[in-house]
Amino acid sequence: MVLSFPAGITRHFANNPAPAVLTFRVLNFSRLEHVLPNPQLLCCDNGQSDSNSKEFWVNMPNLMTHLKKVSEQKPQATYYNVDMLKYQFLVPVDGGVTKLQAVLPPAVW
C-alpha cells in the first residue's frame, strides 16, 4: 500500500510542526498474510481483540523527516509516494476465482 502526498505538504508540515496523527484501519485483515508495515513509519496495536480488522497510525515525526528528505532529492516532483504496508492475499488452494471481469475478451482461469 502506497500513500501519495502532494508536494505542498512539506510547507504545511514546516508551518505546523505538530500535525494530527494519520490513522487508518484495514478491514478483512484475516484474509491477508505476510503483512509487513514500514517499521519507520507505521505503528499498530498487536493486542487488538478483533482479528478481522487492524488499526495503524503513522509516526508523524518520521513521516515529516522522510518527506522533507524526498523533497530535497526531487524538488521538481508534484507528489511523493511513500511505501507504507506490504501484504499478500490469502487465496484458497483452488484459487477461489473462476471468472474475472475484463473489457475484451472475458478472462477465465
PDB file of N, CA and C in Angstrom:
ATOM      1  N   MET A   1       0.850  -1.153   0.000  1.00  0.00           N
ATOM      2  CA  MET A   1       0.000   0.000   0.000  1.00  0.00           C
ATOM      3  C   MET A   1       0.906   1.228   0.000  1.00  0.00           C
ATOM      4  N   VAL A   2       0.642   2.082  -0.922  1.00  0.00           N
ATOM      5  CA  VAL A   2       1.425   3.304  -1.075  1.00  0.00           C
ATOM      6  C   VAL A   2       0.503   4.495  -0.835  1.00  0.00           C
ATOM      7  N   LEU A   3       0.957   5.441  -0.052  1.00  0.00           N
ATOM      8  CA  LEU A   3       0.231   6.696   0.122  1.00  0.00           C
ATOM      9  C   LEU A   3       0.959   7.776  -0.660  1.00  0.00           C
ATOM     10  N   SER A   4       0.191   8.600  -1.354  1.00  0.00           N
ATOM     11  CA  SER A   4       0.759   9.715  -2.118  1.00  0.00           C
ATOM     12  C   SER A   4       0.466  11.018  -1.388  1.00  0.00           C
ATOM     13  N   PHE A   5       1.482  11.836  -1.275  1.00  0.00           N
ATOM     14  CA  PHE A   5       1.351  13.131  -0.620  1.00  0.00           C
ATOM     15  C   PHE A   5       1.695  14.222  -1.620  1.00  0.00           C
ATOM     16  N   PRO A   6       0.886  15.295  -1.686  1.00  0.00           N
ATOM     17  CA  PRO A   6       1.216  16.396  -2.595  1.00  0.00           C
ATOM     18  C   PRO A   6       2.491  17.095  -2.125  1.00  0.00           C
ATOM     19  N   ALA A   7       3.217  17.660  -3.068  1.00  0.00           N
ATOM     20  CA  ALA A   7       4.491  18.308  -2.746  1.00  0.00           C
ATOM     21  C   ALA A   7       4.318  19.434  -1.724  1.00  0.00           C
ATOM     22  N   GLY A   8       3.191  20.105  -1.738  1.00  0.00           N
ATOM     23  CA  GLY A   8       2.951  21.209  -0.806  1.00  0.00           C
ATOM     24  C   GLY A   8       2.843  20.784   0.647  1.00  0.00           C
ATOM     25  N   ILE A   9       2.759  19.489   0.890  1.00  0.00           N
ATOM     26  CA  ILE A   9       2.619  19.007   2.269  1.00  0.00           C
ATOM     27  C   ILE A   9       3.844  19.366   3.104  1.00  0.00           C
ATOM     28  N   THR A  10       5.006  19.468   2.463  1.00  0.00           N
ATOM     29  CA  THR A  10       6.218  19.806   3.226  1.00  0.00           C
ATOM     30  C   THR A  10       6.127  21.222   3.796  1.00  0.00           C
ATOM     31  N   ARG A  11       5.529  22.145   3.035  1.00  0.00           N
ATOM     32  CA  ARG A  11       5.320  23.509   3.556  1.00  0.00           C
ATOM     33  C   ARG A  11       4.336  23.486   4.720  1.00  0.00           C
ATOM     34  N   HIS A  12       3.289  22.678   4.569  1.00  0.00           N
ATOM     35  CA  HIS A  12       2.296  22.559   5.642  1.00  0.00           C
ATOM     36  C   HIS A  12       2.958  22.040   6.918  1.00  0.00           C
ATOM     37  N   PHE A  13       3.776  21.002   6.787  1.00  0.00           N
ATOM     38  CA  PHE A  13       4.451  20.444   7.956  1.00  0.00           C
ATOM     39  C   PHE A  13       5.442  21.443   8.554  1.00  0.00           C
ATOM     40  N   ALA A  14       6.090  22.245   7.712  1.00  0.00           N
ATOM     41  CA  ALA A  14       7.034  23.252   8.215  1.00  0.00           C
ATOM     42  C   ALA A  14       6.305  24.297   9.060  1.00  0.00           C
ATOM     43  N   ASN A  15       5.069  24.634   8.668  1.00  0.00           N
ATOM     44  CA  ASN A  15       4.277  25.627   9.398  1.00  0.00           C
ATOM     45  C   ASN A  15       3.496  25.022  10.554  1.00  0.00           C
ATOM     46  N   ASN A  16       3.396  23.709  10.595  1.00  0.00           N
ATOM     47  CA  ASN A  16       2.627  23.020  11.627  1.00  0.00           C
ATOM     48  C   ASN A  16       3.453  21.838  12.131  1.00  0.00           C
ATOM     49  N   PRO A  17       4.393  22.074  13.038  1.00  0.00           N
ATOM     50  CA  PRO A  17       5.312  21.012  13.457  1.00  0.00           C
ATOM     51  C   PRO A  17       4.664  19.898  14.282  1.00  0.00           C
ATOM     52  N   ALA A  18       3.409  20.066  14.691  1.00  0.00           N
ATOM     53  CA  ALA A  18       2.720  19.022  15.458  1.00  0.00           C
ATOM     54  C   ALA A  18       1.391  18.676  14.777  1.00  0.00           C
ATOM     55  N   PRO A  19       1.439  18.072  13.584  1.00  0.00           N
ATOM     56  CA  PRO A  19       0.194  17.762  12.870  1.00  0.00           C
ATOM     57  C   PRO A  19      -0.560  16.611  13.538  1.00  0.00           C
ATOM     58  N   ALA A  20      -1.833  16.522  13.224  1.00  0.00           N
ATOM     59  CA  ALA A  20      -2.647  15.406  13.722  1.00  0.00           C
ATOM     60  C   ALA A  20      -2.082  14.099  13.179  1.00  0.00           C
ATOM     61  N   VAL A  21      -2.219  13.053  13.958  1.00  0.00           N
ATOM     62  CA  VAL A  21      -1.712  11.741  13.558  1.00  0.00           C
ATOM     63  C   VAL A  21      -2.655  11.133  12.522  1.00  0.00           C
ATOM     64  N   LEU A  22      -2.077  10.629  11.442  1.00  0.00           N
ATOM     65  CA  LEU A  22      -2.860   9.939  10.421  1.00  0.00           C
ATOM     66  C   LEU A  22      -3.094   8.504  10.877  1.00  0.00           C
ATOM     67  N   THR A  23      -4.334   8.049  10.789  1.00  0.00           N
ATOM     68  CA  THR A  23      -4.663   6.669  11.146  1.00  0.00           C
ATOM     69  C   THR A  23      -5.488   6.051  10.033  1.00  0.00           C
ATOM     70  N   PHE A  24      -5.439   4.739   9.941  1.00  0.00           N
ATOM     71  CA  PHE A  24      -6.309   4.012   9.022  1.00  0.00           C
ATOM     72  C   PHE A  24      -6.521   2.614   9.558  1.00  0.00           C
ATOM     73  N   ARG A  25      -7.594   1.991   9.105  1.00  0.00           N
ATOM     74  CA  ARG A  25      -7.943   0.647   9.539  1.00  0.00           C
ATOM     75  C   ARG A  25      -8.050  -0.250   8.315  1.00  0.00           C
ATOM     76  N   VAL A  26      -7.481  -1.436   8.421  1.00  0.00           N
ATOM     77  CA  VAL A  26      -7.591  -2.438   7.367  1.00  0.00           C
ATOM     78  C   VAL A  26      -8.657  -3.429   7.804  1.00  0.00           C
ATOM     79  N   LEU A  27      -9.728  -3.519   7.015  1.00  0.00           N
ATOM     80  CA  LEU A  27     -10.791  -4.482   7.289  1.00  0.00           C
ATOM     81  C   LEU A  27     -10.488  -5.794   6.583  1.00  0.00           C
ATOM     82  N   ASN A  28     -11.131  -6.860   7.006  1.00  0.00           N
ATOM     83  CA  ASN A  28     -10.890  -8.206   6.465  1.00  0.00           C
ATOM     84  C   ASN A  28      -9.418  -8.584   6.602  1.00  0.00           C
ATOM     85  N   PHE A  29      -8.827  -8.182   7.703  1.00  0.00           N
ATOM     86  CA  PHE A  29      -7.398  -8.398   7.940  1.00  0.00           C
ATOM     87  C   PHE A  29      -7.051  -9.884   7.952  1.00  0.00           C
ATOM     88  N   SER A  30      -7.998 -10.717   8.347  1.00  0.00           N
ATOM     89  CA  SER A  30      -7.733 -12.156   8.409  1.00  0.00           C
ATOM     90  C   SER A  30      -7.519 -12.759   7.023  1.00  0.00           C
ATOM     91  N   ARG A  31      -7.875 -12.043   5.965  1.00  0.00           N
ATOM     92  CA  ARG A  31      -7.658 -12.531   4.602  1.00  0.00           C
ATOM     93  C   ARG A  31      -6.260 -12.211   4.079  1.00  0.00           C
ATOM     94  N   LEU A  32      -5.481 -11.512   4.879  1.00  0.00           N
ATOM     95  CA  LEU A  32      -4.134 -11.132   4.464  1.00  0.00           C
ATOM     96  C   LEU A  32      -3.107 -11.997   5.182  1.00  0.00           C
ATOM     97  N   GLU A  33      -1.991 -12.176   4.532  1.00  0.00           N
ATOM     98  CA  GLU A  33      -0.875 -12.863   5.174  1.00  0.00           C
ATOM     99  C   GLU A  33       0.410 -12.125   4.814  1.00  0.00           C
ATOM    100  N   HIS A  34       1.436 -12.371   5.565  1.00  0.00           N
ATOM    101  CA  HIS A  34       2.734 -11.715   5.364  1.00  0.00           C
ATOM    102  C   HIS A  34       2.580 -10.195   5.324  1.00  0.00           C
ATOM    103  N   VAL A  35       1.922  -9.654   6.334  1.00  0.00           N
ATOM    104  CA  VAL A  35       1.724  -8.209   6.423  1.00  0.00           C
ATOM    105  C   VAL A  35       2.996  -7.583   6.995  1.00  0.00           C
ATOM    106  N   LEU A  36       3.577  -6.662   6.229  1.00  0.00           N
ATOM    107  CA  LEU A  36       4.828  -6.010   6.627  1.00  0.00           C
ATOM    108  C   LEU A  36       4.658  -4.495   6.622  1.00  0.00           C
ATOM    109  N   PRO A  37       4.311  -3.905   7.777  1.00  0.00           N
ATOM    110  CA  PRO A  37       4.238  -2.448   7.839  1.00  0.00           C
ATOM    111  C   PRO A  37       5.640  -1.845   7.752  1.00  0.00           C
ATOM    112  N   ASN A  38       5.734  -0.656   7.192  1.00  0.00           N
ATOM    113  CA  ASN A  38       7.003   0.063   7.157  1.00  0.00           C
ATOM    114  C   ASN A  38       7.379   0.383   8.612  1.00  0.00           C
ATOM    115  N   PRO A  39       8.442  -0.236   9.144  1.00  0.00           N
ATOM    116  CA  PRO A  39       8.742  -0.080  10.575  1.00  0.00           C
ATOM    117  C   PRO A  39       9.136   1.339  10.983  1.00  0.00           C
ATOM    118  N   GLN A  40       9.610   2.152  10.047  1.00  0.00           N
ATOM    119  CA  GLN A  40       9.975   3.527  10.380  1.00  0.00           C
ATOM    120  C   GLN A  40       8.756   4.448  10.416  1.00  0.00           C
ATOM    121  N   LEU A  41       7.687   4.063   9.707  1.00  0.00           N
ATOM    122  CA  LEU A  41       6.564   4.987   9.548  1.00  0.00           C
ATOM    123  C   LEU A  41       5.255   4.532  10.174  1.00  0.00           C
ATOM    124  N   LEU A  42       5.051   3.232  10.357  1.00  0.00           N
ATOM    125  CA  LEU A  42       3.759   2.746  10.848  1.00  0.00           C
ATOM    126  C   LEU A  42       3.876   2.067  12.198  1.00  0.00           C
ATOM    127  N   CYS A  43       2.843   2.266  12.997  1.00  0.00           N
ATOM    128  CA  CYS A  43       2.713   1.597  14.289  1.00  0.00           C
ATOM    129  C   CYS A  43       1.341   0.927  14.312  1.00  0.00           C
ATOM    130  N   CYS A  44       1.225  -0.142  15.086  1.00  0.00           N
ATOM    131  CA  CYS A  44      -0.079  -0.782  15.236  1.00  0.00           C
ATOM    132  C   CYS A  44      -0.151  -1.433  16.607  1.00  0.00           C
ATOM    133  N   ASP A  45      -1.369  -1.713  17.021  1.00  0.00           N
ATOM    134  CA  ASP A  45      -1.605  -2.374  18.297  1.00  0.00           C
ATOM    135  C   ASP A  45      -1.759  -3.860  18.032  1.00  0.00           C
ATOM    136  N   ASN A  46      -0.746  -4.648  18.399  1.00  0.00           N
ATOM    137  CA  ASN A  46      -0.798  -6.090  18.162  1.00  0.00           C
ATOM    138  C   ASN A  46      -1.738  -6.806  19.116  1.00  0.00           C
ATOM    139  N   GLY A  47      -2.232  -6.118  20.117  1.00  0.00           N
ATOM    140  CA  GLY A  47      -3.110  -6.752  21.089  1.00  0.00           C
ATOM    141  C   GLY A  47      -4.588  -6.524  20.825  1.00  0.00           C
ATOM    142  N   GLN A  48      -4.948  -6.075  19.627  1.00  0.00           N
ATOM    143  CA  GLN A  48      -6.355  -5.816  19.325  1.00  0.00           C
ATOM    144  C   GLN A  48      -7.154  -7.108  19.392  1.00  0.00           C
ATOM    145  N   SER A  49      -8.386  -7.008  19.901  1.00  0.00           N
ATOM    146  CA  SER A  49      -9.221  -8.197  20.059  1.00  0.00           C
ATOM    147  C   SER A  49      -9.908  -8.611  18.763  1.00  0.00           C
ATOM    148  N   ASP A  50     -10.142  -7.686  17.845  1.00  0.00           N
ATOM    149  CA  ASP A  50     -10.822  -8.001  16.587  1.00  0.00           C
ATOM    150  C   ASP A  50      -9.795  -8.462  15.561  1.00  0.00           C
ATOM    151  N   SER A  51      -9.807  -9.762  15.245  1.00  0.00           N
ATOM    152  CA  SER A  51      -8.812 -10.297  14.305  1.00  0.00           C
ATOM    153  C   SER A  51      -9.147  -9.974  12.856  1.00  0.00           C
ATOM    154  N   ASN A  52     -10.348  -9.427  12.609  1.00  0.00           N
ATOM    155  CA  ASN A  52     -10.742  -9.137  11.236  1.00  0.00           C
ATOM    156  C   ASN A  52     -10.474  -7.681  10.838  1.00  0.00           C
ATOM    157  N   SER A  53      -9.948  -6.886  11.749  1.00  0.00           N
ATOM    158  CA  SER A  53      -9.548  -5.522  11.395  1.00  0.00           C
ATOM    159  C   SER A  53      -8.298  -5.162  12.195  1.00  0.00           C
ATOM    160  N   LYS A  54      -7.536  -4.257  11.638  1.00  0.00           N
ATOM    161  CA  LYS A  54      -6.292  -3.832  12.299  1.00  0.00           C
ATOM    162  C   LYS A  54      -6.141  -2.338  12.072  1.00  0.00           C
ATOM    163  N   GLU A  55      -5.863  -1.623  13.140  1.00  0.00           N
ATOM    164  CA  GLU A  55      -5.683  -0.178  13.039  1.00  0.00           C
ATOM    165  C   GLU A  55      -4.194   0.158  13.053  1.00  0.00           C
ATOM    166  N   PHE A  56      -3.826   1.058  12.171  1.00  0.00           N
ATOM    167  CA  PHE A  56      -2.448   1.527  12.062  1.00  0.00           C
ATOM    168  C   PHE A  56      -2.439   3.039  12.243  1.00  0.00           C
ATOM    169  N   TRP A  57      -1.340   3.560  12.720  1.00  0.00           N
ATOM    170  CA  TRP A  57      -1.159   5.003  12.777  1.00  0.00           C
ATOM    171  C   TRP A  57       0.255   5.335  12.346  1.00  0.00           C
ATOM    172  N   VAL A  58       0.387   6.540  11.815  1.00  0.00           N
ATOM    173  CA  VAL A  58       1.641   6.979  11.208  1.00  0.00           C
ATOM    174  C   VAL A  58       2.490   7.708  12.247  1.00  0.00           C
ATOM    175  N   ASN A  59       3.761   7.359  12.293  1.00  0.00           N
ATOM    176  CA  ASN A  59       4.731   8.072  13.120  1.00  0.00           C
ATOM    177  C   ASN A  59       5.003   9.395  12.394  1.00  0.00           C
ATOM    178  N   MET A  60       4.306  10.443  12.814  1.00  0.00           N
ATOM    179  CA  MET A  60       4.335  11.710  12.086  1.00  0.00           C
ATOM    180  C   MET A  60       5.720  12.370  12.049  1.00  0.00           C
ATOM    181  N   PRO A  61       6.495  12.383  13.129  1.00  0.00           N
ATOM    182  CA  PRO A  61       7.840  12.974  13.016  1.00  0.00           C
ATOM    183  C   PRO A  61       8.693  12.258  11.962  1.00  0.00           C
ATOM    184  N   ASN A  62       8.611  10.927  11.915  1.00  0.00           N
ATOM    185  CA  ASN A  62       9.383  10.185  10.911  1.00  0.00           C
ATOM    186  C   ASN A  62       8.864  10.446   9.503  1.00  0.00           C
ATOM    187  N   LEU A  63       7.532  10.546   9.351  1.00  0.00           N
ATOM    188  CA  LEU A  63       6.964  10.854   8.034  1.00  0.00           C
ATOM    189  C   LEU A  63       7.422  12.234   7.572  1.00  0.00           C
ATOM    190  N   MET A  64       7.385  13.212   8.467  1.00  0.00           N
ATOM    191  CA  MET A  64       7.800  14.566   8.105  1.00  0.00           C
ATOM    192  C   MET A  64       9.270  14.591   7.684  1.00  0.00           C
ATOM    193  N   THR A  65      10.115  13.869   8.408  1.00  0.00           N
ATOM    194  CA  THR A  65      11.537  13.792   8.059  1.00  0.00           C
ATOM    195  C   THR A  65      11.726  13.129   6.702  1.00  0.00           C
ATOM    196  N   HIS A  66      10.990  12.035   6.480  1.00  0.00           N
ATOM    197  CA  HIS A  66      11.097  11.310   5.209  1.00  0.00           C
ATOM    198  C   HIS A  66      10.662  12.193   4.034  1.00  0.00           C
ATOM    199  N   LEU A  67       9.523  12.864   4.176  1.00  0.00           N
ATOM    200  CA  LEU A  67       9.027  13.711   3.086  1.00  0.00           C
ATOM    201  C   LEU A  67       9.960  14.892   2.828  1.00  0.00           C
ATOM    202  N   LYS A  68      10.545  15.438   3.876  1.00  0.00           N
ATOM    203  CA  LYS A  68      11.495  16.543   3.688  1.00  0.00           C
ATOM    204  C   LYS A  68      12.709  16.067   2.899  1.00  0.00           C
ATOM    205  N   LYS A  69      13.220  14.882   3.242  1.00  0.00           N
ATOM    206  CA  LYS A  69      14.388  14.342   2.540  1.00  0.00           C
ATOM    207  C   LYS A  69      14.058  14.070   1.071  1.00  0.00           C
ATOM    208  N   VAL A  70      12.890  13.480   0.818  1.00  0.00           N
ATOM    209  CA  VAL A  70      12.487  13.192  -0.563  1.00  0.00           C
ATOM    210  C   VAL A  70      12.300  14.489  -1.343  1.00  0.00           C
ATOM    211  N   SER A  71      11.725  15.513  -0.707  1.00  0.00           N
ATOM    212  CA  SER A  71      11.509  16.791  -1.408  1.00  0.00           C
ATOM    213  C   SER A  71      12.835  17.465  -1.754  1.00  0.00           C
ATOM    214  N   GLU A  72      13.854  17.266  -0.924  1.00  0.00           N
ATOM    215  CA  GLU A  72      15.177  17.823  -1.232  1.00  0.00           C
ATOM    216  C   GLU A  72      15.844  17.062  -2.375  1.00  0.00           C
ATOM    217  N   GLN A  73      15.581  15.751  -2.455  1.00  0.00           N
ATOM    218  CA  GLN A  73      16.146  14.932  -3.527  1.00  0.00           C
ATOM    219  C   GLN A  73      15.437  15.168  -4.854  1.00  0.00           C
ATOM    220  N   LYS A  74      14.126  15.433  -4.794  1.00  0.00           N
ATOM    221  CA  LYS A  74      13.320  15.622  -6.006  1.00  0.00           C
ATOM    222  C   LYS A  74      12.478  16.890  -5.869  1.00  0.00           C
ATOM    223  N   PRO A  75      13.101  18.059  -5.925  1.00  0.00           N
ATOM    224  CA  PRO A  75      12.356  19.300  -5.707  1.00  0.00           C
ATOM    225  C   PRO A  75      11.320  19.594  -6.794  1.00  0.00           C
ATOM    226  N   GLN A  76      11.458  18.995  -7.968  1.00  0.00           N
ATOM    227  CA  GLN A  76      10.523  19.247  -9.059  1.00  0.00           C
ATOM    228  C   GLN A  76       9.280  18.354  -8.997  1.00  0.00           C
ATOM    229  N   ALA A  77       9.255  17.369  -8.107  1.00  0.00           N
ATOM    230  CA  ALA A  77       8.126  16.440  -8.037  1.00  0.00           C
ATOM    231  C   ALA A  77       6.863  17.157  -7.574  1.00  0.00           C
ATOM    232  N   THR A  78       5.720  16.731  -8.112  1.00  0.00           N
ATOM    233  CA  THR A  78       4.441  17.316  -7.703  1.00  0.00           C
ATOM    234  C   THR A  78       3.801  16.524  -6.568  1.00  0.00           C
ATOM    235  N   TYR A  79       4.246  15.287  -6.380  1.00  0.00           N
ATOM    236  CA  TYR A  79       3.762  14.469  -5.269  1.00  0.00           C
ATOM    237  C   TYR A  79       4.834  13.446  -4.913  1.00  0.00           C
ATOM    238  N   TYR A  80       4.697  12.867  -3.729  1.00  0.00           N
ATOM    239  CA  TYR A  80       5.662  11.882  -3.243  1.00  0.00           C
ATOM    240  C   TYR A  80       4.915  10.618  -2.826  1.00  0.00           C
ATOM    241  N   ASN A  81       5.348   9.486  -3.350  1.00  0.00           N
ATOM    242  CA  ASN A  81       4.777   8.194  -2.980  1.00  0.00           C
ATOM    243  C   ASN A  81       5.586   7.606  -1.833  1.00  0.00           C
ATOM    244  N   VAL A  82       4.883   7.099  -0.832  1.00  0.00           N
ATOM    245  CA  VAL A  82       5.542   6.530   0.344  1.00  0.00           C
ATOM    246  C   VAL A  82       5.013   5.115   0.565  1.00  0.00           C
ATOM    247  N   ASP A  83       5.911   4.139   0.550  1.00  0.00           N
ATOM    248  CA  ASP A  83       5.526   2.750   0.836  1.00  0.00           C
ATOM    249  C   ASP A  83       5.186   2.635   2.314  1.00  0.00           C
ATOM    250  N   MET A  84       3.963   2.200   2.597  1.00  0.00           N
ATOM    251  CA  MET A  84       3.522   2.098   3.982  1.00  0.00           C
ATOM    252  C   MET A  84       3.351   0.655   4.449  1.00  0.00           C
ATOM    253  N   LEU A  85       2.812  -0.193   3.577  1.00  0.00           N
ATOM    254  CA  LEU A  85       2.418  -1.529   4.013  1.00  0.00           C
ATOM    255  C   LEU A  85       2.520  -2.491   2.848  1.00  0.00           C
ATOM    256  N   LYS A  86       3.136  -3.637   3.093  1.00  0.00           N
ATOM    257  CA  LYS A  86       3.187  -4.690   2.079  1.00  0.00           C
ATOM    258  C   LYS A  86       2.430  -5.887   2.628  1.00  0.00           C
ATOM    259  N   TYR A  87       1.716  -6.578   1.750  1.00  0.00           N
ATOM    260  CA  TYR A  87       0.934  -7.728   2.190  1.00  0.00           C
ATOM    261  C   TYR A  87       0.663  -8.643   1.013  1.00  0.00           C
ATOM    262  N   GLN A  88       0.211  -9.851   1.332  1.00  0.00           N
ATOM    263  CA  GLN A  88      -0.248 -10.802   0.327  1.00  0.00           C
ATOM    264  C   GLN A  88      -1.656 -11.223   0.709  1.00  0.00           C
ATOM    265  N   PHE A  89      -2.467 -11.529  -0.306  1.00  0.00           N
ATOM    266  CA  PHE A  89      -3.799 -12.049  -0.059  1.00  0.00           C
ATOM    267  C   PHE A  89      -3.723 -13.527   0.233  1.00  0.00           C
ATOM    268  N   LEU A  90      -4.550 -13.987   1.147  1.00  0.00           N
ATOM    269  CA  LEU A  90      -4.692 -15.401   1.420  1.00  0.00           C
ATOM    270  C   LEU A  90      -5.723 -15.936   0.435  1.00  0.00           C
ATOM    271  N   VAL A  91      -5.300 -16.833  -0.466  1.00  0.00           N
ATOM    272  CA  VAL A  91      -6.176 -17.345  -1.524  1.00  0.00           C
ATOM    273  C   VAL A  91      -6.350 -18.842  -1.325  1.00  0.00           C
ATOM    274  N   PRO A  92      -7.588 -19.361  -1.447  1.00  0.00           N
ATOM    275  CA  PRO A  92      -7.799 -20.804  -1.329  1.00  0.00           C
ATOM    276  C   PRO A  92      -6.947 -21.571  -2.342  1.00  0.00           C
ATOM    277  N   VAL A  93      -6.687 -22.850  -2.046  1.00  0.00           N
ATOM    278  CA  VAL A  93      -5.834 -23.678  -2.898  1.00  0.00           C
ATOM    279  C   VAL A  93      -6.342 -23.722  -4.329  1.00  0.00           C
ATOM    280  N   ASP A  94      -7.667 -23.766  -4.524  1.00  0.00           N
ATOM    281  CA  ASP A  94      -8.219 -23.810  -5.883  1.00  0.00           C
ATOM    282  C   ASP A  94      -8.219 -22.439  -6.552  1.00  0.00           C
ATOM    283  N   GLY A  95      -7.685 -21.446  -5.877  1.00  0.00           N
ATOM    284  CA  GLY A  95      -7.627 -20.098  -6.441  1.00  0.00           C
ATOM    285  C   GLY A  95      -8.804 -19.252  -6.039  1.00  0.00           C
ATOM    286  N   GLY A  96      -9.965 -19.874  -5.810  1.00  0.00           N
ATOM    287  CA  GLY A  96     -11.135 -19.151  -5.359  1.00  0.00           C
ATOM    288  C   GLY A  96     -11.764 -18.247  -6.401  1.00  0.00           C
ATOM    289  N   VAL A  97     -11.152 -18.130  -7.569  1.00  0.00           N
ATOM    290  CA  VAL A  97     -11.662 -17.253  -8.617  1.00  0.00           C
ATOM    291  C   VAL A  97     -11.735 -18.050  -9.906  1.00  0.00           C
ATOM    292  N   THR A  98     -12.897 -18.016 -10.565  1.00  0.00           N
ATOM    293  CA  THR A  98     -13.001 -18.706 -11.848  1.00  0.00           C
ATOM    294  C   THR A  98     -13.157 -17.734 -12.998  1.00  0.00           C
ATOM    295  N   LYS A  99     -13.825 -16.606 -12.774  1.00  0.00           N
ATOM    296  CA  LYS A  99     -14.002 -15.627 -13.850  1.00  0.00           C
ATOM    297  C   LYS A  99     -13.624 -14.242 -13.351  1.00  0.00           C
ATOM    298  N   LEU A 100     -12.976 -13.499 -14.203  1.00  0.00           N
ATOM    299  CA  LEU A 100     -12.641 -12.114 -13.921  1.00  0.00           C
ATOM    300  C   LEU A 100     -13.315 -11.237 -14.961  1.00  0.00           C
ATOM    301  N   GLN A 101     -13.811 -10.103 -14.537  1.00  0.00           N
ATOM    302  CA  GLN A 101     -14.426  -9.175 -15.481  1.00  0.00           C
ATOM    303  C   GLN A 101     -13.326  -8.468 -16.255  1.00  0.00           C
ATOM    304  N   ALA A 102     -13.401  -8.538 -17.554  1.00  0.00           N
ATOM    305  CA  ALA A 102     -12.441  -7.853 -18.409  1.00  0.00           C
ATOM    306  C   ALA A 102     -13.213  -7.197 -19.545  1.00  0.00           C
ATOM    307  N   VAL A 103     -12.623  -6.193 -20.153  1.00  0.00           N
ATOM    308  CA  VAL A 103     -13.301  -5.481 -21.231  1.00  0.00           C
ATOM    309  C   VAL A 103     -13.475  -6.416 -22.429  1.00  0.00           C
ATOM    310  N   LEU A 104     -12.433  -6.852 -23.043  1.00  0.00           N
ATOM    311  CA  LEU A 104     -12.478  -7.802 -24.155  1.00  0.00           C
ATOM    312  C   LEU A 104     -11.209  -8.611 -24.161  1.00  0.00           C
ATOM    313  N   PRO A 105     -11.185  -9.833 -24.325  1.00  0.00           N
ATOM    314  CA  PRO A 105     -12.285 -10.781 -24.154  1.00  0.00           C
ATOM    315  C   PRO A 105     -12.469 -11.098 -22.678  1.00  0.00           C
ATOM    316  N   PRO A 106     -13.553 -11.809 -22.306  1.00  0.00           N
ATOM    317  CA  PRO A 106     -13.721 -12.195 -20.907  1.00  0.00           C
ATOM    318  C   PRO A 106     -12.563 -13.096 -20.478  1.00  0.00           C
ATOM    319  N   ALA A 107     -12.062 -12.883 -19.286  1.00  0.00           N
ATOM    320  CA  ALA A 107     -10.939 -13.676 -18.779  1.00  0.00           C
ATOM    321  C   ALA A 107     -11.461 -14.827 -17.936  1.00  0.00           C
ATOM    322  N   VAL A 108     -10.912 -16.007 -18.160  1.00  0.00           N
ATOM    323  CA  VAL A 108     -11.274 -17.189 -17.377  1.00  0.00           C
ATOM    324  C   VAL A 108      -9.997 -17.857 -16.927  1.00  0.00           C
ATOM    325  N   TRP A 109      -9.965 -18.277 -15.679  1.00  0.00           N
ATOM    326  CA  TRP A 109      -8.823 -19.026 -15.159  1.00  0.00           C
ATOM    327  C   TRP A 109      -9.176 -20.480 -15.114  1.00  0.00           C
TER     328      TRP A 109
END
